[in-house]
N, C-alpha and C. Protein backbone atom coordinates (compact mmCIF):
# COMPACT_ATOMS: atom_id res chain seq x y z
N MET A 1 -5.11 -16.19 0.19
CA MET A 1 -3.65 -16.02 0.31
C MET A 1 -3.34 -14.99 1.39
N ASP A 2 -2.23 -15.19 2.09
CA ASP A 2 -1.86 -14.28 3.17
C ASP A 2 -1.27 -12.99 2.60
N ILE A 3 -1.72 -11.87 3.13
CA ILE A 3 -1.26 -10.57 2.62
C ILE A 3 0.23 -10.39 2.85
N SER A 4 0.72 -10.83 4.00
CA SER A 4 2.14 -10.65 4.31
C SER A 4 3.01 -11.44 3.34
N MET A 5 2.52 -12.61 2.90
CA MET A 5 3.27 -13.41 1.94
C MET A 5 3.36 -12.69 0.60
N VAL A 6 2.25 -12.10 0.18
CA VAL A 6 2.24 -11.34 -1.07
C VAL A 6 3.18 -10.16 -0.96
N PHE A 7 3.15 -9.50 0.22
CA PHE A 7 4.01 -8.34 0.47
C PHE A 7 5.47 -8.73 0.36
N ASN A 8 5.84 -9.87 0.96
CA ASN A 8 7.23 -10.30 0.96
C ASN A 8 7.69 -10.73 -0.43
N SER A 9 6.74 -11.15 -1.27
CA SER A 9 7.11 -11.60 -2.62
C SER A 9 7.39 -10.41 -3.54
N LEU A 10 6.85 -9.25 -3.17
CA LEU A 10 7.11 -8.05 -3.97
C LEU A 10 8.53 -7.55 -3.74
N ASP A 11 9.07 -6.90 -4.76
CA ASP A 11 10.38 -6.29 -4.56
C ASP A 11 10.19 -4.98 -3.81
N LYS A 12 11.30 -4.41 -3.37
CA LYS A 12 11.21 -3.26 -2.46
C LYS A 12 10.56 -2.04 -3.10
N SER A 13 10.87 -1.78 -4.38
CA SER A 13 10.32 -0.60 -5.04
C SER A 13 8.80 -0.72 -5.18
N LYS A 14 8.32 -1.91 -5.55
CA LYS A 14 6.88 -2.11 -5.69
C LYS A 14 6.20 -1.99 -4.33
N ARG A 15 6.87 -2.51 -3.30
CA ARG A 15 6.31 -2.45 -1.95
C ARG A 15 6.19 -1.00 -1.51
N ARG A 16 7.22 -0.20 -1.83
CA ARG A 16 7.22 1.22 -1.44
C ARG A 16 6.10 1.95 -2.17
N ASN A 17 5.92 1.64 -3.46
CA ASN A 17 4.85 2.28 -4.23
C ASN A 17 3.48 1.91 -3.67
N LEU A 18 3.33 0.64 -3.27
CA LEU A 18 2.07 0.16 -2.73
C LEU A 18 1.74 0.88 -1.43
N ILE A 19 2.76 1.05 -0.57
CA ILE A 19 2.56 1.74 0.70
C ILE A 19 2.19 3.20 0.45
N ALA A 20 2.90 3.83 -0.48
CA ALA A 20 2.63 5.23 -0.81
C ALA A 20 1.20 5.38 -1.34
N LEU A 21 0.78 4.44 -2.17
CA LEU A 21 -0.56 4.49 -2.73
C LEU A 21 -1.61 4.32 -1.64
N ALA A 22 -1.36 3.39 -0.73
CA ALA A 22 -2.29 3.14 0.37
C ALA A 22 -2.41 4.37 1.26
N ILE A 23 -1.28 5.00 1.57
CA ILE A 23 -1.28 6.20 2.41
C ILE A 23 -2.02 7.34 1.70
N THR A 24 -1.77 7.47 0.40
CA THR A 24 -2.44 8.53 -0.36
C THR A 24 -3.94 8.32 -0.37
N LYS A 25 -4.38 7.07 -0.59
CA LYS A 25 -5.81 6.76 -0.59
C LYS A 25 -6.41 7.05 0.78
N LEU A 26 -5.66 6.71 1.82
CA LEU A 26 -6.12 6.93 3.18
C LEU A 26 -6.33 8.42 3.44
N ILE A 27 -5.33 9.22 3.05
CA ILE A 27 -5.41 10.67 3.27
C ILE A 27 -6.57 11.27 2.48
N HIS A 28 -6.71 10.87 1.22
CA HIS A 28 -7.78 11.40 0.39
C HIS A 28 -9.13 10.93 0.92
N GLY A 29 -9.17 9.71 1.46
CA GLY A 29 -10.41 9.19 2.03
C GLY A 29 -10.85 10.02 3.22
N PHE A 30 -9.90 10.36 4.08
CA PHE A 30 -10.21 11.19 5.25
C PHE A 30 -10.57 12.60 4.82
N GLY A 31 -9.90 13.09 3.78
CA GLY A 31 -10.14 14.46 3.32
C GLY A 31 -11.53 14.63 2.74
N THR A 32 -11.99 13.63 1.98
CA THR A 32 -13.30 13.73 1.34
C THR A 32 -14.40 13.30 2.30
N GLY A 33 -14.04 12.48 3.28
CA GLY A 33 -15.02 11.98 4.22
C GLY A 33 -15.26 12.95 5.34
């Protein structure tokens, strides 16, 4: 399945939470790495 399609199917609040989670994981990944 296409990621963008899944993204568009989510509502805005869930999409915002997903982005925040991804950014947090990214930052923690760089911090521990």
